[in-house]
ModelCIF file with pLDDT and N, C-alpha, C, O atoms, coordinates in Angstrom:
data_MODEL
#
_entry.id   MODEL 
#
_entity.id                         1 
_entity.type                       polymer 
_entity.pdbx_number_of_molecules   1 
#
_entity_poly.entity_id                      1 
_entity_poly.type                           'polypeptide(L)' 
_entity_poly.nstd_linkage                   no 
_entity_poly.nstd_monomer                   no 
_entity_poly.pdbx_seq_one_letter_code       SQQKGRCIVMAAPMDVQLDCDDKTMVQPDVMVVCDRDKITRKCIYG 
_entity_poly.pdbx_seq_one_letter_code_can   SQQKGRCIVMAAPMDVQLDCDDKTMVQPDVMVVCDRDKITRKCIYG 
_entity_poly.pdbx_strand_id                 A 
#
loop_
_entity_poly_seq.entity_id 
_entity_poly_seq.num 
_entity_poly_seq.mon_id 
_entity_poly_seq.hetero 
1 1  SER n 
1 2  GLN n 
1 3  GLN n 
1 4  LYS n 
1 5  GLY n 
1 6  ARG n 
1 7  CYS n 
1 8  ILE n 
1 9  VAL n 
1 10 MET n 
1 11 ALA n 
1 12 ALA n 
1 13 PRO n 
1 14 MET n 
1 15 ASP n 
1 16 VAL n 
1 17 GLN n 
1 18 LEU n 
1 19 ASP n 
1 20 CYS n 
1 21 ASP n 
1 22 ASP n 
1 23 LYS n 
1 24 THR n 
1 25 MET n 
1 26 VAL n 
1 27 GLN n 
1 28 PRO n 
1 29 ASP n 
1 30 VAL n 
1 31 MET n 
1 32 VAL n 
1 33 VAL n 
1 34 CYS n 
1 35 ASP n 
1 36 ARG n 
1 37 ASP n 
1 38 LYS n 
1 39 ILE n 
1 40 THR n 
1 41 ARG n 
1 42 LYS n 
1 43 CYS n 
1 44 ILE n 
1 45 TYR n 
1 46 GLY n 
#
_struct_asym.id          A 
_struct_asym.entity_id   1 
#
loop_
_ma_qa_metric.id 
_ma_qa_metric.mode 
_ma_qa_metric.name 
_ma_qa_metric.software_group_id 
_ma_qa_metric.type 
1 global pLDDT . pLDDT 
2 local  pLDDT . pLDDT 
#
_ma_qa_metric_global.metric_id      1 
_ma_qa_metric_global.metric_value   95.87 
_ma_qa_metric_global.model_id       1 
_ma_qa_metric_global.ordinal_id     1 
#
loop_
_ma_qa_metric_local.label_asym_id 
_ma_qa_metric_local.label_comp_id 
_ma_qa_metric_local.label_seq_id 
_ma_qa_metric_local.metric_id 
_ma_qa_metric_local.metric_value 
_ma_qa_metric_local.model_id 
_ma_qa_metric_local.ordinal_id 
A SER 1  2 97.00 1 1  
A GLN 2  2 96.00 1 2  
A GLN 3  2 96.00 1 3  
A LYS 4  2 96.00 1 4  
A GLY 5  2 95.00 1 5  
A ARG 6  2 95.00 1 6  
A CYS 7  2 98.00 1 7  
A ILE 8  2 98.00 1 8  
A VAL 9  2 98.00 1 9  
A MET 10 2 97.00 1 10 
A ALA 11 2 96.00 1 11 
A ALA 12 2 93.00 1 12 
A PRO 13 2 92.00 1 13 
A MET 14 2 95.00 1 14 
A ASP 15 2 96.00 1 15 
A VAL 16 2 97.00 1 16 
A GLN 17 2 97.00 1 17 
A LEU 18 2 96.00 1 18 
A ASP 19 2 94.00 1 19 
A CYS 20 2 92.00 1 20 
A ASP 21 2 93.00 1 21 
A ASP 22 2 93.00 1 22 
A LYS 23 2 95.00 1 23 
A THR 24 2 97.00 1 24 
A MET 25 2 97.00 1 25 
A VAL 26 2 97.00 1 26 
A GLN 27 2 96.00 1 27 
A PRO 28 2 97.00 1 28 
A ASP 29 2 97.00 1 29 
A VAL 30 2 98.00 1 30 
A MET 31 2 98.00 1 31 
A VAL 32 2 98.00 1 32 
A VAL 33 2 98.00 1 33 
A CYS 34 2 98.00 1 34 
A ASP 35 2 97.00 1 35 
A ARG 36 2 96.00 1 36 
A ASP 37 2 96.00 1 37 
A LYS 38 2 97.00 1 38 
A ILE 39 2 96.00 1 39 
A THR 40 2 94.00 1 40 
A ARG 41 2 91.00 1 41 
A LYS 42 2 91.00 1 42 
A CYS 43 2 95.00 1 43 
A ILE 44 2 97.00 1 44 
A TYR 45 2 97.00 1 45 
A GLY 46 2 97.00 1 46 
#
loop_
_atom_site.group_PDB 
_atom_site.id 
_atom_site.type_symbol 
_atom_site.label_atom_id 
_atom_site.label_alt_id 
_atom_site.label_comp_id 
_atom_site.label_asym_id 
_atom_site.label_entity_id 
_atom_site.label_seq_id 
_atom_site.pdbx_PDB_ins_code 
_atom_site.Cartn_x 
_atom_site.Cartn_y 
_atom_site.Cartn_z 
_atom_site.occupancy 
_atom_site.B_iso_or_equiv 
_atom_site.pdbx_formal_charge 
_atom_site.auth_seq_id 
_atom_site.auth_comp_id 
_atom_site.auth_asym_id 
_atom_site.auth_atom_id 
_atom_site.pdbx_PDB_model_num 
ATOM 1   N N  . SER A 1 1  ? -11.646 -12.146 32.132 1.00 97.00 ? 1  SER A N  1 
ATOM 2   C CA . SER A 1 1  ? -11.725 -12.117 33.594 1.00 97.00 ? 1  SER A CA 1 
ATOM 3   C C  . SER A 1 1  ? -11.026 -13.323 34.207 1.00 97.00 ? 1  SER A C  1 
ATOM 4   O O  . SER A 1 1  ? -10.303 -13.188 35.194 1.00 97.00 ? 1  SER A O  1 
ATOM 5   N N  . GLN A 1 2  ? -11.239 -14.503 33.627 1.00 96.00 ? 2  GLN A N  1 
ATOM 6   C CA . GLN A 1 2  ? -10.604 -15.717 34.143 1.00 96.00 ? 2  GLN A CA 1 
ATOM 7   C C  . GLN A 1 2  ? -9.088  -15.633 34.057 1.00 96.00 ? 2  GLN A C  1 
ATOM 8   O O  . GLN A 1 2  ? -8.373  -16.134 34.925 1.00 96.00 ? 2  GLN A O  1 
ATOM 9   N N  . GLN A 1 3  ? -8.608  -14.991 32.999 1.00 96.00 ? 3  GLN A N  1 
ATOM 10  C CA . GLN A 1 3  ? -7.159  -14.852 32.791 1.00 96.00 ? 3  GLN A CA 1 
ATOM 11  C C  . GLN A 1 3  ? -6.585  -13.634 33.518 1.00 96.00 ? 3  GLN A C  1 
ATOM 12  O O  . GLN A 1 3  ? -5.379  -13.389 33.484 1.00 96.00 ? 3  GLN A O  1 
ATOM 13  N N  . LYS A 1 4  ? -7.466  -12.877 34.175 1.00 96.00 ? 4  LYS A N  1 
ATOM 14  C CA . LYS A 1 4  ? -7.064  -11.637 34.840 1.00 96.00 ? 4  LYS A CA 1 
ATOM 15  C C  . LYS A 1 4  ? -6.347  -10.704 33.853 1.00 96.00 ? 4  LYS A C  1 
ATOM 16  O O  . LYS A 1 4  ? -5.340  -10.075 34.179 1.00 96.00 ? 4  LYS A O  1 
ATOM 17  N N  . GLY A 1 5  ? -6.899  -10.639 32.647 1.00 95.00 ? 5  GLY A N  1 
ATOM 18  C CA . GLY A 1 5  ? -6.298  -9.821  31.603 1.00 95.00 ? 5  GLY A CA 1 
ATOM 19  C C  . GLY A 1 5  ? -6.723  -8.362  31.705 1.00 95.00 ? 5  GLY A C  1 
ATOM 20  O O  . GLY A 1 5  ? -7.642  -8.018  32.449 1.00 95.00 ? 5  GLY A O  1 
ATOM 21  N N  . ARG A 1 6  ? -6.045  -7.516  30.951 1.00 95.00 ? 6  ARG A N  1 
ATOM 22  C CA . ARG A 1 6  ? -6.323  -6.078  30.973 1.00 95.00 ? 6  ARG A CA 1 
ATOM 23  C C  . ARG A 1 6  ? -7.107  -5.626  29.743 1.00 95.00 ? 6  ARG A C  1 
ATOM 24  O O  . ARG A 1 6  ? -7.471  -4.454  29.647 1.00 95.00 ? 6  ARG A O  1 
ATOM 25  N N  . CYS A 1 7  ? -7.371  -6.521  28.816 1.00 98.00 ? 7  CYS A N  1 
ATOM 26  C CA . CYS A 1 7  ? -8.133  -6.145  27.624 1.00 98.00 ? 7  CYS A CA 1 
ATOM 27  C C  . CYS A 1 7  ? -9.573  -5.816  28.020 1.00 98.00 ? 7  CYS A C  1 
ATOM 28  O O  . CYS A 1 7  ? -10.109 -6.376  28.976 1.00 98.00 ? 7  CYS A O  1 
ATOM 29  N N  . ILE A 1 8  ? -10.180 -4.915  27.282 1.00 98.00 ? 8  ILE A N  1 
ATOM 30  C CA . ILE A 1 8  ? -11.546 -4.476  27.525 1.00 98.00 ? 8  ILE A CA 1 
ATOM 31  C C  . ILE A 1 8  ? -12.409 -4.852  26.322 1.00 98.00 ? 8  ILE A C  1 
ATOM 32  O O  . ILE A 1 8  ? -12.031 -4.590  25.180 1.00 98.00 ? 8  ILE A O  1 
ATOM 33  N N  . VAL A 1 9  ? -13.565 -5.462  26.574 1.00 98.00 ? 9  VAL A N  1 
ATOM 34  C CA . VAL A 1 9  ? -14.499 -5.785  25.496 1.00 98.00 ? 9  VAL A CA 1 
ATOM 35  C C  . VAL A 1 9  ? -15.691 -4.840  25.595 1.00 98.00 ? 9  VAL A C  1 
ATOM 36  O O  . VAL A 1 9  ? -16.205 -4.587  26.685 1.00 98.00 ? 9  VAL A O  1 
ATOM 37  N N  . MET A 1 10 ? -16.124 -4.320  24.451 1.00 97.00 ? 10 MET A N  1 
ATOM 38  C CA . MET A 1 10 ? -17.232 -3.365  24.410 1.00 97.00 ? 10 MET A CA 1 
ATOM 39  C C  . MET A 1 10 ? -18.124 -3.653  23.215 1.00 97.00 ? 10 MET A C  1 
ATOM 40  O O  . MET A 1 10 ? -17.709 -4.273  22.236 1.00 97.00 ? 10 MET A O  1 
ATOM 41  N N  . ALA A 1 11 ? -19.362 -3.184  23.322 1.00 96.00 ? 11 ALA A N  1 
ATOM 42  C CA . ALA A 1 11 ? -20.321 -3.325  22.223 1.00 96.00 ? 11 ALA A CA 1 
ATOM 43  C C  . ALA A 1 11 ? -20.813 -1.959  21.792 1.00 96.00 ? 11 ALA A C  1 
ATOM 44  O O  . ALA A 1 11 ? -20.761 -0.998  22.560 1.00 96.00 ? 11 ALA A O  1 
ATOM 45  N N  . ALA A 1 12 ? -21.288 -1.877  20.563 1.00 93.00 ? 12 ALA A N  1 
ATOM 46  C CA . ALA A 1 12 ? -21.845 -0.633  20.034 1.00 93.00 ? 12 ALA A CA 1 
ATOM 47  C C  . ALA A 1 12 ? -23.097 -0.257  20.828 1.00 93.00 ? 12 ALA A C  1 
ATOM 48  O O  . ALA A 1 12 ? -23.771 -1.138  21.362 1.00 93.00 ? 12 ALA A O  1 
ATOM 49  N N  . PRO A 1 13 ? -23.418 1.039   20.912 1.00 92.00 ? 13 PRO A N  1 
ATOM 50  C CA . PRO A 1 13 ? -22.724 2.145   20.238 1.00 92.00 ? 13 PRO A CA 1 
ATOM 51  C C  . PRO A 1 13 ? -21.541 2.675   21.056 1.00 92.00 ? 13 PRO A C  1 
ATOM 52  O O  . PRO A 1 13 ? -21.713 3.096   22.200 1.00 92.00 ? 13 PRO A O  1 
ATOM 53  N N  . MET A 1 14 ? -20.358 2.651   20.474 1.00 95.00 ? 14 MET A N  1 
ATOM 54  C CA . MET A 1 14 ? -19.150 3.231   21.061 1.00 95.00 ? 14 MET A CA 1 
ATOM 55  C C  . MET A 1 14 ? -18.306 3.768   19.927 1.00 95.00 ? 14 MET A C  1 
ATOM 56  O O  . MET A 1 14 ? -17.924 3.009   19.036 1.00 95.00 ? 14 MET A O  1 
ATOM 57  N N  . ASP A 1 15 ? -18.005 5.047   19.935 1.00 96.00 ? 15 ASP A N  1 
ATOM 58  C CA . ASP A 1 15 ? -17.252 5.675   18.853 1.00 96.00 ? 15 ASP A CA 1 
ATOM 59  C C  . ASP A 1 15 ? -15.802 5.219   18.840 1.00 96.00 ? 15 ASP A C  1 
ATOM 60  O O  . ASP A 1 15 ? -15.163 5.104   19.886 1.00 96.00 ? 15 ASP A O  1 
ATOM 61  N N  . VAL A 1 16 ? -15.293 4.963   17.646 1.00 97.00 ? 16 VAL A N  1 
ATOM 62  C CA . VAL A 1 16 ? -13.887 4.594   17.461 1.00 97.00 ? 16 VAL A CA 1 
ATOM 63  C C  . VAL A 1 16 ? -13.288 5.518   16.402 1.00 97.00 ? 16 VAL A C  1 
ATOM 64  O O  . VAL A 1 16 ? -13.629 5.435   15.222 1.00 97.00 ? 16 VAL A O  1 
ATOM 65  N N  . GLN A 1 17 ? -12.396 6.394   16.841 1.00 97.00 ? 17 GLN A N  1 
ATOM 66  C CA . GLN A 1 17 ? -11.706 7.293   15.905 1.00 97.00 ? 17 GLN A CA 1 
ATOM 67  C C  . GLN A 1 17 ? -10.546 6.495   15.310 1.00 97.00 ? 17 GLN A C  1 
ATOM 68  O O  . GLN A 1 17 ? -9.391  6.641   15.712 1.00 97.00 ? 17 GLN A O  1 
ATOM 69  N N  . LEU A 1 18 ? -10.888 5.658   14.352 1.00 96.00 ? 18 LEU A N  1 
ATOM 70  C CA . LEU A 1 18 ? -10.051 4.563   13.879 1.00 96.00 ? 18 LEU A CA 1 
ATOM 71  C C  . LEU A 1 18 ? -8.668  4.993   13.408 1.00 96.00 ? 18 LEU A C  1 
ATOM 72  O O  . LEU A 1 18 ? -7.663  4.418   13.826 1.00 96.00 ? 18 LEU A O  1 
ATOM 73  N N  . ASP A 1 19 ? -8.610  5.999   12.541 1.00 94.00 ? 19 ASP A N  1 
ATOM 74  C CA . ASP A 1 19 ? -7.334  6.431   11.957 1.00 94.00 ? 19 ASP A CA 1 
ATOM 75  C C  . ASP A 1 19 ? -6.675  7.558   12.731 1.00 94.00 ? 19 ASP A C  1 
ATOM 76  O O  . ASP A 1 19 ? -5.647  8.088   12.310 1.00 94.00 ? 19 ASP A O  1 
ATOM 77  N N  . CYS A 1 20 ? -7.266  7.926   13.865 1.00 92.00 ? 20 CYS A N  1 
ATOM 78  C CA . CYS A 1 20 ? -6.757  9.059   14.642 1.00 92.00 ? 20 CYS A CA 1 
ATOM 79  C C  . CYS A 1 20 ? -6.701  10.333  13.799 1.00 92.00 ? 20 CYS A C  1 
ATOM 80  O O  . CYS A 1 20 ? -5.811  11.162  13.986 1.00 92.00 ? 20 CYS A O  1 
ATOM 81  N N  . ASP A 1 21 ? -7.646  10.490  12.876 1.00 93.00 ? 21 ASP A N  1 
ATOM 82  C CA . ASP A 1 21 ? -7.753  11.713  12.088 1.00 93.00 ? 21 ASP A CA 1 
ATOM 83  C C  . ASP A 1 21 ? -9.177  12.249  12.233 1.00 93.00 ? 21 ASP A C  1 
ATOM 84  O O  . ASP A 1 21 ? -9.938  11.767  13.072 1.00 93.00 ? 21 ASP A O  1 
ATOM 85  N N  . ASP A 1 22 ? -9.540  13.239  11.423 1.00 93.00 ? 22 ASP A N  1 
ATOM 86  C CA . ASP A 1 22 ? -10.864 13.848  11.570 1.00 93.00 ? 22 ASP A CA 1 
ATOM 87  C C  . ASP A 1 22 ? -11.829 13.430  10.471 1.00 93.00 ? 22 ASP A C  1 
ATOM 88  O O  . ASP A 1 22 ? -12.815 14.124  10.222 1.00 93.00 ? 22 ASP A O  1 
ATOM 89  N N  . LYS A 1 23 ? -11.564 12.305  9.808  1.00 95.00 ? 23 LYS A N  1 
ATOM 90  C CA . LYS A 1 23 ? -12.397 11.888  8.675  1.00 95.00 ? 23 LYS A CA 1 
ATOM 91  C C  . LYS A 1 23 ? -13.129 10.570  8.908  1.00 95.00 ? 23 LYS A C  1 
ATOM 92  O O  . LYS A 1 23 ? -13.989 10.194  8.112  1.00 95.00 ? 23 LYS A O  1 
ATOM 93  N N  . THR A 1 24 ? -12.798 9.864   9.993  1.00 97.00 ? 24 THR A N  1 
ATOM 94  C CA . THR A 1 24 ? -13.394 8.541   10.207 1.00 97.00 ? 24 THR A CA 1 
ATOM 95  C C  . THR A 1 24 ? -13.778 8.327   11.671 1.00 97.00 ? 24 THR A C  1 
ATOM 96  O O  . THR A 1 24 ? -12.981 8.552   12.582 1.00 97.00 ? 24 THR A O  1 
ATOM 97  N N  . MET A 1 25 ? -15.018 7.887   11.869 1.00 97.00 ? 25 MET A N  1 
ATOM 98  C CA . MET A 1 25 ? -15.505 7.503   13.195 1.00 97.00 ? 25 MET A CA 1 
ATOM 99  C C  . MET A 1 25 ? -16.464 6.329   13.002 1.00 97.00 ? 25 MET A C  1 
ATOM 100 O O  . MET A 1 25 ? -17.536 6.494   12.420 1.00 97.00 ? 25 MET A O  1 
ATOM 101 N N  . VAL A 1 26 ? -16.088 5.163   13.481 1.00 97.00 ? 26 VAL A N  1 
ATOM 102 C CA . VAL A 1 26 ? -16.898 3.962   13.280 1.00 97.00 ? 26 VAL A CA 1 
ATOM 103 C C  . VAL A 1 26 ? -17.401 3.428   14.610 1.00 97.00 ? 26 VAL A C  1 
ATOM 104 O O  . VAL A 1 26 ? -16.962 3.858   15.677 1.00 97.00 ? 26 VAL A O  1 
ATOM 105 N N  . GLN A 1 27 ? -18.331 2.481   14.527 1.00 96.00 ? 27 GLN A N  1 
ATOM 106 C CA . GLN A 1 27 ? -18.901 1.842   15.712 1.00 96.00 ? 27 GLN A CA 1 
ATOM 107 C C  . GLN A 1 27 ? -18.970 0.329   15.490 1.00 96.00 ? 27 GLN A C  1 
ATOM 108 O O  . GLN A 1 27 ? -20.021 -0.183  15.102 1.00 96.00 ? 27 GLN A O  1 
ATOM 109 N N  . PRO A 1 28 ? -17.877 -0.392  15.728 1.00 97.00 ? 28 PRO A N  1 
ATOM 110 C CA . PRO A 1 28 ? -17.931 -1.857  15.588 1.00 97.00 ? 28 PRO A CA 1 
ATOM 111 C C  . PRO A 1 28 ? -19.010 -2.432  16.498 1.00 97.00 ? 28 PRO A C  1 
ATOM 112 O O  . PRO A 1 28 ? -19.253 -1.910  17.585 1.00 97.00 ? 28 PRO A O  1 
ATOM 113 N N  . ASP A 1 29 ? -19.650 -3.499  16.056 1.00 97.00 ? 29 ASP A N  1 
ATOM 114 C CA . ASP A 1 29 ? -20.693 -4.111  16.879 1.00 97.00 ? 29 ASP A CA 1 
ATOM 115 C C  . ASP A 1 29 ? -20.124 -4.657  18.183 1.00 97.00 ? 29 ASP A C  1 
ATOM 116 O O  . ASP A 1 29 ? -20.729 -4.527  19.247 1.00 97.00 ? 29 ASP A O  1 
ATOM 117 N N  . VAL A 1 30 ? -18.945 -5.273  18.077 1.00 98.00 ? 30 VAL A N  1 
ATOM 118 C CA . VAL A 1 30 ? -18.220 -5.755  19.254 1.00 98.00 ? 30 VAL A CA 1 
ATOM 119 C C  . VAL A 1 30 ? -16.742 -5.479  19.009 1.00 98.00 ? 30 VAL A C  1 
ATOM 120 O O  . VAL A 1 30 ? -16.267 -5.592  17.878 1.00 98.00 ? 30 VAL A O  1 
ATOM 121 N N  . MET A 1 31 ? -16.019 -5.122  20.054 1.00 98.00 ? 31 MET A N  1 
ATOM 122 C CA . MET A 1 31 ? -14.584 -4.916  19.891 1.00 98.00 ? 31 MET A CA 1 
ATOM 123 C C  . MET A 1 31 ? -13.845 -5.238  21.177 1.00 98.00 ? 31 MET A C  1 
ATOM 124 O O  . MET A 1 31 ? -14.407 -5.200  22.272 1.00 98.00 ? 31 MET A O  1 
ATOM 125 N N  . VAL A 1 32 ? -12.564 -5.556  21.012 1.00 98.00 ? 32 VAL A N  1 
ATOM 126 C CA . VAL A 1 32 ? -11.674 -5.777  22.147 1.00 98.00 ? 32 VAL A CA 1 
ATOM 127 C C  . VAL A 1 32 ? -10.506 -4.822  22.008 1.00 98.00 ? 32 VAL A C  1 
ATOM 128 O O  . VAL A 1 32 ? -9.859  -4.760  20.962 1.00 98.00 ? 32 VAL A O  1 
ATOM 129 N N  . VAL A 1 33 ? -10.244 -4.078  23.070 1.00 98.00 ? 33 VAL A N  1 
ATOM 130 C CA . VAL A 1 33 ? -9.126  -3.127  23.094 1.00 98.00 ? 33 VAL A CA 1 
ATOM 131 C C  . VAL A 1 33 ? -8.197  -3.531  24.229 1.00 98.00 ? 33 VAL A C  1 
ATOM 132 O O  . VAL A 1 33 ? -8.604  -3.560  25.391 1.00 98.00 ? 33 VAL A O  1 
ATOM 133 N N  . CYS A 1 34 ? -6.955  -3.840  23.894 1.00 98.00 ? 34 CYS A N  1 
ATOM 134 C CA . CYS A 1 34 ? -5.998  -4.291  24.908 1.00 98.00 ? 34 CYS A CA 1 
ATOM 135 C C  . CYS A 1 34 ? -5.060  -3.186  25.394 1.00 98.00 ? 34 CYS A C  1 
ATOM 136 O O  . CYS A 1 34 ? -4.466  -3.303  26.466 1.00 98.00 ? 34 CYS A O  1 
ATOM 137 N N  . ASP A 1 35 ? -4.927  -2.129  24.622 1.00 97.00 ? 35 ASP A N  1 
ATOM 138 C CA . ASP A 1 35 ? -4.133  -0.971  25.034 1.00 97.00 ? 35 ASP A CA 1 
ATOM 139 C C  . ASP A 1 35 ? -5.078  0.046   25.664 1.00 97.00 ? 35 ASP A C  1 
ATOM 140 O O  . ASP A 1 35 ? -5.782  0.768   24.958 1.00 97.00 ? 35 ASP A O  1 
ATOM 141 N N  . ARG A 1 36 ? -5.091  0.101   26.985 1.00 96.00 ? 36 ARG A N  1 
ATOM 142 C CA . ARG A 1 36 ? -6.045  0.964   27.670 1.00 96.00 ? 36 ARG A CA 1 
ATOM 143 C C  . ARG A 1 36 ? -5.784  2.451   27.435 1.00 96.00 ? 36 ARG A C  1 
ATOM 144 O O  . ARG A 1 36 ? -6.662  3.278   27.680 1.00 96.00 ? 36 ARG A O  1 
ATOM 145 N N  . ASP A 1 37 ? -4.610  2.789   26.973 1.00 96.00 ? 37 ASP A N  1 
ATOM 146 C CA . ASP A 1 37 ? -4.326  4.193   26.662 1.00 96.00 ? 37 ASP A CA 1 
ATOM 147 C C  . ASP A 1 37 ? -5.180  4.690   25.501 1.00 96.00 ? 37 ASP A C  1 
ATOM 148 O O  . ASP A 1 37 ? -5.346  5.897   25.328 1.00 96.00 ? 37 ASP A O  1 
ATOM 149 N N  . LYS A 1 38 ? -5.725  3.765   24.701 1.00 97.00 ? 38 LYS A N  1 
ATOM 150 C CA . LYS A 1 38 ? -6.585  4.147   23.575 1.00 97.00 ? 38 LYS A CA 1 
ATOM 151 C C  . LYS A 1 38 ? -8.006  4.485   24.025 1.00 97.00 ? 38 LYS A C  1 
ATOM 152 O O  . LYS A 1 38 ? -8.785  5.059   23.264 1.00 97.00 ? 38 LYS A O  1 
ATOM 153 N N  . ILE A 1 39 ? -8.330  4.133   25.245 1.00 96.00 ? 39 ILE A N  1 
ATOM 154 C CA . ILE A 1 39 ? -9.703  4.304   25.731 1.00 96.00 ? 39 ILE A CA 1 
ATOM 155 C C  . ILE A 1 39 ? -9.849  5.637   26.455 1.00 96.00 ? 39 ILE A C  1 
ATOM 156 O O  . ILE A 1 39 ? -9.213  5.863   27.485 1.00 96.00 ? 39 ILE A O  1 
ATOM 157 N N  . THR A 1 40 ? -10.680 6.509   25.918 1.00 94.00 ? 40 THR A N  1 
ATOM 158 C CA . THR A 1 40 ? -10.996 7.770   26.572 1.00 94.00 ? 40 THR A CA 1 
ATOM 159 C C  . THR A 1 40 ? -12.472 7.756   26.954 1.00 94.00 ? 40 THR A C  1 
ATOM 160 O O  . THR A 1 40 ? -13.206 6.848   26.564 1.00 94.00 ? 40 THR A O  1 
ATOM 161 N N  . ARG A 1 41 ? -12.899 8.738   27.698 1.00 91.00 ? 41 ARG A N  1 
ATOM 162 C CA . ARG A 1 41 ? -14.310 8.795   28.087 1.00 91.00 ? 41 ARG A CA 1 
ATOM 163 C C  . ARG A 1 41 ? -15.201 9.065   26.885 1.00 91.00 ? 41 ARG A C  1 
ATOM 164 O O  . ARG A 1 41 ? -16.373 8.690   26.880 1.00 91.00 ? 41 ARG A O  1 
ATOM 165 N N  . LYS A 1 42 ? -14.651 9.709   25.874 1.00 91.00 ? 42 LYS A N  1 
ATOM 166 C CA . LYS A 1 42 ? -15.452 10.097  24.715 1.00 91.00 ? 42 LYS A CA 1 
ATOM 167 C C  . LYS A 1 42 ? -15.467 9.044   23.622 1.00 91.00 ? 42 LYS A C  1 
ATOM 168 O O  . LYS A 1 42 ? -16.501 8.822   22.993 1.00 91.00 ? 42 LYS A O  1 
ATOM 169 N N  . CYS A 1 43 ? -14.340 8.394   23.388 1.00 95.00 ? 43 CYS A N  1 
ATOM 170 C CA . CYS A 1 43 ? -14.249 7.434   22.288 1.00 95.00 ? 43 CYS A CA 1 
ATOM 171 C C  . CYS A 1 43 ? -13.022 6.551   22.454 1.00 95.00 ? 43 CYS A C  1 
ATOM 172 O O  . CYS A 1 43 ? -12.227 6.728   23.377 1.00 95.00 ? 43 CYS A O  1 
ATOM 173 N N  . ILE A 1 44 ? -12.886 5.594   21.539 1.00 97.00 ? 44 ILE A N  1 
ATOM 174 C CA . ILE A 1 44 ? -11.653 4.820   21.407 1.00 97.00 ? 44 ILE A CA 1 
ATOM 175 C C  . ILE A 1 44 ? -10.806 5.542   20.365 1.00 97.00 ? 44 ILE A C  1 
ATOM 176 O O  . ILE A 1 44 ? -11.263 5.787   19.248 1.00 97.00 ? 44 ILE A O  1 
ATOM 177 N N  . TYR A 1 45 ? -9.588  5.878   20.728 1.00 97.00 ? 45 TYR A N  1 
ATOM 178 C CA . TYR A 1 45 ? -8.730  6.644   19.826 1.00 97.00 ? 45 TYR A CA 1 
ATOM 179 C C  . TYR A 1 45 ? -7.650  5.725   19.263 1.00 97.00 ? 45 TYR A C  1 
ATOM 180 O O  . TYR A 1 45 ? -6.592  5.546   19.867 1.00 97.00 ? 45 TYR A O  1 
ATOM 181 N N  . GLY A 1 46 ? -7.932  5.148   18.103 1.00 97.00 ? 46 GLY A N  1 
ATOM 182 C CA . GLY A 1 46 ? -7.027  4.195   17.481 1.00 97.00 ? 46 GLY A CA 1 
ATOM 183 C C  . GLY A 1 46 ? -7.720  2.879   17.197 1.00 97.00 ? 46 GLY A C  1 
ATOM 184 O O  . GLY A 1 46 ? -7.099  1.956   16.670 1.00 97.00 ? 46 GLY A O  1 
#
């Protein structure tokens, strides 16, 4: 916020379709996503 950055920080539970395939879905305890295109309403895709 101080840097007026676009990265988003989130905490679990939040689904992350890590490999963009249908075999893996994880929930990191804390994560930072800087590419907002990866953020969907349902999960983080990538």
